[in-house]
Amino acid sequence: MFKPIPLNLPPYPFKITLKDNGHYIFDEIRKKHLFLTPEEWVRQHFIKFLINQKKAPAALIRIEGGLKLNQTSKRSDILIYNNSGEKIMLIECKAPHVNITQATFDQAGRYNIIHKVKWLVVTNGLDHYFAKIDYQQHTFSFVEELPDFEEL
């Protein structure tokens, strides 16, 4: 059973319940209780961070959106849309004990072949990487801090 640990994100008051087979966390975006895994702990924290600190409207956040990549069904962890309905950010979440490696960035990059967002984020709740993609120059650059939603 997963025991929640402090992350490198602000603490938030989550609704966590104990049921027969473990802990569940209430997902305010999907309006349902989800089995609390280490990755879900990171995902829920990062969603709260986006809403509370970066002022992203909850209505513009999509969680575990399906996509087809090379005839294989995949799920992106978090997608953020702008006010015009365009995808602008893809966030790949890993459990805190999972090191962020090149393979993690490769996974996010493969998903972005489909999504074509201008911001890629990779996090394990302890380490966060923010990359801005410039499609005209065919480059990307890492930034220290994620801009507020209005600046994306």
C-alpha atoms as a PDB file:
ATOM      1  CA  MET A   1       0.000   0.000   0.000  1.00  0.00           C
ATOM      2  CA  PHE A   2       1.320   3.460  -0.933  1.00  0.00           C
ATOM      3  CA  LYS A   3       1.936   5.883   1.907  1.00  0.00           C
ATOM      4  CA  PRO A   4       1.822   9.510   0.656  1.00  0.00           C
ATOM      5  CA  ILE A   5       5.120  11.360   0.994  1.00  0.00           C
ATOM      6  CA  PRO A   6       5.852  15.107   0.877  1.00  0.00           C
ATOM      7  CA  LEU A   7       6.636  16.330  -2.625  1.00  0.00           C
ATOM      8  CA  ASN A   8       8.516  19.326  -3.980  1.00  0.00           C
ATOM      9  CA  LEU A   9       5.176  21.070  -4.495  1.00  0.00           C
ATOM     10  CA  PRO A  10       2.989  23.000  -2.071  1.00  0.00           C
ATOM     11  CA  PRO A  11       0.903  20.818   0.251  1.00  0.00           C
ATOM     12  CA  TYR A  12      -2.793  20.652  -0.566  1.00  0.00           C
ATOM     13  CA  PRO A  13      -5.830  19.425   1.375  1.00  0.00           C
ATOM     14  CA  PHE A  14      -6.862  16.304  -0.519  1.00  0.00           C
ATOM     15  CA  LYS A  15      -9.911  14.184   0.171  1.00  0.00           C
ATOM     16  CA  ILE A  16      -8.408  10.778   0.887  1.00  0.00           C
ATOM     17  CA  THR A  17     -10.555   7.859   1.950  1.00  0.00           C
ATOM     18  CA  LEU A  18      -9.692   4.383   3.135  1.00  0.00           C
ATOM     19  CA  LYS A  19     -11.633   1.538   1.565  1.00  0.00           C
ATOM     20  CA  ASP A  20     -11.237  -2.229   1.815  1.00  0.00           C
ATOM     21  CA  ASN A  21      -8.323  -2.519  -0.544  1.00  0.00           C
ATOM     22  CA  GLY A  22      -6.486   0.767   0.048  1.00  0.00           C
ATOM     23  CA  HIS A  23      -6.533   4.535  -0.070  1.00  0.00           C
ATOM     24  CA  TYR A  24      -8.450   6.577  -2.625  1.00  0.00           C
ATOM     25  CA  ILE A  25      -7.983  10.225  -3.553  1.00  0.00           C
ATOM     26  CA  PHE A  26     -10.769  12.418  -4.913  1.00  0.00           C
ATOM     27  CA  ASP A  27      -9.961  13.829  -8.353  1.00  0.00           C
ATOM     28  CA  GLU A  28     -11.699  17.201  -8.615  1.00  0.00           C
ATOM     29  CA  ILE A  29     -11.290  17.294 -12.401  1.00  0.00           C
ATOM     30  CA  ARG A  30     -12.908  13.911 -13.098  1.00  0.00           C
ATOM     31  CA  LYS A  31     -15.177  14.122 -10.029  1.00  0.00           C
ATOM     32  CA  LYS A  32     -14.415  10.626  -8.775  1.00  0.00           C
ATOM     33  CA  HIS A  33     -12.289   8.737  -6.280  1.00  0.00           C
ATOM     34  CA  LEU A  34      -9.165   7.119  -7.723  1.00  0.00           C
ATOM     35  CA  PHE A  35      -6.950   4.438  -6.228  1.00  0.00           C
ATOM     36  CA  LEU A  36      -4.022   6.281  -4.658  1.00  0.00           C
ATOM     37  CA  THR A  37      -0.820   5.159  -6.337  1.00  0.00           C
ATOM     38  CA  PRO A  38       2.496   7.018  -6.145  1.00  0.00           C
ATOM     39  CA  GLU A  39       1.968   8.360  -9.681  1.00  0.00           C
ATOM     40  CA  GLU A  40      -1.588   9.491  -8.861  1.00  0.00           C
ATOM     41  CA  TRP A  41      -0.221  11.308  -5.791  1.00  0.00           C
ATOM     42  CA  VAL A  42       2.137  13.265  -8.080  1.00  0.00           C
ATOM     43  CA  ARG A  43      -0.567  13.871 -10.720  1.00  0.00           C
ATOM     44  CA  GLN A  44      -3.068  15.249  -8.177  1.00  0.00           C
ATOM     45  CA  HIS A  45      -0.437  17.536  -6.634  1.00  0.00           C
ATOM     46  CA  PHE A  46       0.619  18.852 -10.019  1.00  0.00           C
ATOM     47  CA  ILE A  47      -2.989  19.520 -11.020  1.00  0.00           C
ATOM     48  CA  LYS A  48      -3.495  21.533  -7.812  1.00  0.00           C
ATOM     49  CA  PHE A  49      -0.228  23.368  -8.519  1.00  0.00           C
ATOM     50  CA  LEU A  50      -1.449  24.276 -12.014  1.00  0.00           C
ATOM     51  CA  ILE A  51      -4.797  25.517 -10.726  1.00  0.00           C
ATOM     52  CA  ASN A  52      -3.712  27.260  -7.513  1.00  0.00           C
ATOM     53  CA  GLN A  53      -0.236  28.592  -8.331  1.00  0.00           C
ATOM     54  CA  LYS A  54      -0.264  28.903 -12.125  1.00  0.00           C
ATOM     55  CA  LYS A  55      -3.936  29.932 -12.392  1.00  0.00           C
ATOM     56  CA  ALA A  56      -4.864  27.329 -15.011  1.00  0.00           C
ATOM     57  CA  PRO A  57      -8.648  26.989 -15.262  1.00  0.00           C
ATOM     58  CA  ALA A  58      -9.729  23.515 -14.151  1.00  0.00           C
ATOM     59  CA  ALA A  59     -12.083  23.354 -17.137  1.00  0.00           C
ATOM     60  CA  LEU A  60      -9.066  23.495 -19.488  1.00  0.00           C
ATOM     61  CA  ILE A  61      -7.276  20.536 -17.897  1.00  0.00           C
ATOM     62  CA  ARG A  62      -7.694  17.038 -19.338  1.00  0.00           C
ATOM     63  CA  ILE A  63      -6.395  14.020 -17.470  1.00  0.00           C
ATOM     64  CA  GLU A  64      -5.268  10.747 -19.030  1.00  0.00           C
ATOM     65  CA  GLY A  65      -6.352  11.668 -22.513  1.00  0.00           C
ATOM     66  CA  GLY A  66      -6.143   8.796 -24.955  1.00  0.00           C
ATOM     67  CA  LEU A  67      -4.050   8.915 -28.099  1.00  0.00           C
ATOM     68  CA  LYS A  68      -2.961   6.532 -30.836  1.00  0.00           C
ATOM     69  CA  LEU A  69       0.764   6.211 -31.478  1.00  0.00           C
ATOM     70  CA  ASN A  70       1.939   3.653 -34.072  1.00  0.00           C
ATOM     71  CA  GLN A  71      -1.373   1.775 -33.787  1.00  0.00           C
ATOM     72  CA  THR A  72      -0.925   1.551 -30.011  1.00  0.00           C
ATOM     73  CA  SER A  73      -3.278   3.178 -27.522  1.00  0.00           C
ATOM     74  CA  LYS A  74      -1.492   5.419 -25.008  1.00  0.00           C
ATOM     75  CA  ARG A  75      -2.607   7.891 -22.344  1.00  0.00           C
ATOM     76  CA  SER A  76      -1.019  11.251 -21.709  1.00  0.00           C
ATOM     77  CA  ASP A  77      -1.100  12.156 -18.003  1.00  0.00           C
ATOM     78  CA  ILE A  78      -2.204  15.800 -18.180  1.00  0.00           C
ATOM     79  CA  LEU A  79      -3.037  18.076 -21.111  1.00  0.00           C
ATOM     80  CA  ILE A  80      -3.649  21.803 -20.754  1.00  0.00           C
ATOM     81  CA  TYR A  81      -5.662  23.754 -23.321  1.00  0.00           C
ATOM     82  CA  ASN A  82      -5.753  27.497 -23.912  1.00  0.00           C
ATOM     83  CA  ASN A  83      -8.948  29.542 -23.973  1.00  0.00           C
ATOM     84  CA  SER A  84      -9.291  28.843 -27.721  1.00  0.00           C
ATOM     85  CA  GLY A  85      -9.317  25.084 -27.155  1.00  0.00           C
ATOM     86  CA  GLU A  86      -5.781  24.482 -28.480  1.00  0.00           C
ATOM     87  CA  LYS A  87      -3.470  22.099 -26.653  1.00  0.00           C
ATOM     88  CA  ILE A  88      -0.598  24.068 -25.130  1.00  0.00           C
ATOM     89  CA  MET A  89       1.017  21.839 -22.496  1.00  0.00           C
ATOM     90  CA  LEU A  90       1.681  18.147 -21.966  1.00  0.00           C
ATOM     91  CA  ILE A  91       2.681  16.932 -18.512  1.00  0.00           C
ATOM     92  CA  GLU A  92       4.141  13.480 -17.949  1.00  0.00           C
ATOM     93  CA  CYS A  93       4.005  12.342 -14.311  1.00  0.00           C
ATOM     94  CA  LYS A  94       6.067   9.624 -12.727  1.00  0.00           C
ATOM     95  CA  ALA A  95       6.072   8.213  -9.200  1.00  0.00           C
ATOM     96  CA  PRO A  96       8.465   9.913  -6.751  1.00  0.00           C
ATOM     97  CA  HIS A  97      10.767   6.878  -6.644  1.00  0.00           C
ATOM     98  CA  VAL A  98      11.136   6.890 -10.458  1.00  0.00           C
ATOM     99  CA  ASN A  99      14.173   8.802 -11.651  1.00  0.00           C
ATOM    100  CA  ILE A 100      13.598  11.198 -14.535  1.00  0.00           C
ATOM    101  CA  THR A 101      15.745   9.871 -17.380  1.00  0.00           C
ATOM    102  CA  GLN A 102      16.137  10.352 -21.092  1.00  0.00           C
ATOM    103  CA  ALA A 103      13.557   7.581 -21.546  1.00  0.00           C
ATOM    104  CA  THR A 104      11.010   9.727 -19.679  1.00  0.00           C
ATOM    105  CA  PHE A 105      11.685  12.674 -21.989  1.00  0.00           C
ATOM    106  CA  ASP A 106      11.520  10.353 -24.990  1.00  0.00           C
ATOM    107  CA  GLN A 107       8.086   9.151 -23.863  1.00  0.00           C
ATOM    108  CA  ALA A 108       6.818  12.732 -23.538  1.00  0.00           C
ATOM    109  CA  GLY A 109       8.368  13.557 -26.920  1.00  0.00           C
ATOM    110  CA  ARG A 110       6.603  10.611 -28.585  1.00  0.00           C
ATOM    111  CA  TYR A 111       3.270  11.744 -27.141  1.00  0.00           C
ATOM    112  CA  ASN A 112       3.994  15.229 -28.415  1.00  0.00           C
ATOM    113  CA  ILE A 113       4.270  13.919 -31.965  1.00  0.00           C
ATOM    114  CA  ILE A 114       0.487  13.645 -31.684  1.00  0.00           C
ATOM    115  CA  HIS A 115      -0.298  16.626 -29.441  1.00  0.00           C
ATOM    116  CA  LYS A 116       2.187  19.206 -30.828  1.00  0.00           C
ATOM    117  CA  VAL A 117       2.144  21.406 -27.717  1.00  0.00           C
ATOM    118  CA  LYS A 118       4.584  24.223 -27.088  1.00  0.00           C
ATOM    119  CA  TRP A 119       5.258  23.235 -23.459  1.00  0.00           C
ATOM    120  CA  LEU A 120       6.447  19.843 -22.187  1.00  0.00           C
ATOM    121  CA  VAL A 121       6.661  19.120 -18.468  1.00  0.00           C
ATOM    122  CA  VAL A 122       8.138  16.030 -16.852  1.00  0.00           C
ATOM    123  CA  THR A 123       7.821  15.539 -13.093  1.00  0.00           C
ATOM    124  CA  ASN A 124       8.108  12.904 -10.426  1.00  0.00           C
ATOM    125  CA  GLY A 125       6.858  15.310  -7.773  1.00  0.00           C
ATOM    126  CA  LEU A 126      10.380  15.883  -6.518  1.00  0.00           C
ATOM    127  CA  ASP A 127      12.091  17.014  -9.718  1.00  0.00           C
ATOM    128  CA  HIS A 128      10.321  19.083 -12.360  1.00  0.00           C
ATOM    129  CA  TYR A 129      11.524  19.885 -15.878  1.00  0.00           C
ATOM    130  CA  PHE A 130       9.864  22.532 -18.030  1.00  0.00           C
ATOM    131  CA  ALA A 131      10.687  22.733 -21.738  1.00  0.00           C
ATOM    132  CA  LYS A 132       9.415  25.282 -24.233  1.00  0.00           C
ATOM    133  CA  ILE A 133       9.344  24.085 -27.832  1.00  0.00           C
ATOM    134  CA  ASP A 134      10.022  26.386 -30.777  1.00  0.00           C
ATOM    135  CA  TYR A 135       8.640  24.643 -33.851  1.00  0.00           C
ATOM    136  CA  GLN A 136       9.900  27.299 -36.286  1.00  0.00           C
ATOM    137  CA  GLN A 137      13.496  26.948 -35.121  1.00  0.00           C
ATOM    138  CA  HIS A 138      13.155  23.187 -34.419  1.00  0.00           C
ATOM    139  CA  THR A 139      14.569  23.708 -30.927  1.00  0.00           C
ATOM    140  CA  PHE A 140      13.546  23.531 -27.318  1.00  0.00           C
ATOM    141  CA  SER A 141      14.827  25.213 -24.191  1.00  0.00           C
ATOM    142  CA  PHE A 142      14.481  24.363 -20.541  1.00  0.00           C
ATOM    143  CA  VAL A 143      13.236  27.048 -18.184  1.00  0.00           C
ATOM    144  CA  GLU A 144      13.651  27.206 -14.416  1.00  0.00           C
ATOM    145  CA  GLU A 145      10.044  28.046 -13.625  1.00  0.00           C
ATOM    146  CA  LEU A 146       6.796  27.379 -15.388  1.00  0.00           C
ATOM    147  CA  PRO A 147       5.056  30.625 -16.411  1.00  0.00           C
ATOM    148  CA  ASP A 148       1.547  31.409 -15.221  1.00  0.00           C
ATOM    149  CA  PHE A 149      -1.264  30.155 -17.448  1.00  0.00           C
ATOM    150  CA  GLU A 150      -1.905  33.613 -18.949  1.00  0.00           C
ATOM    151  CA  GLU A 151       1.703  33.777 -20.179  1.00  0.00           C
ATOM    152  CA  LEU A 152       1.674  30.402 -21.906  1.00  0.00           C
END
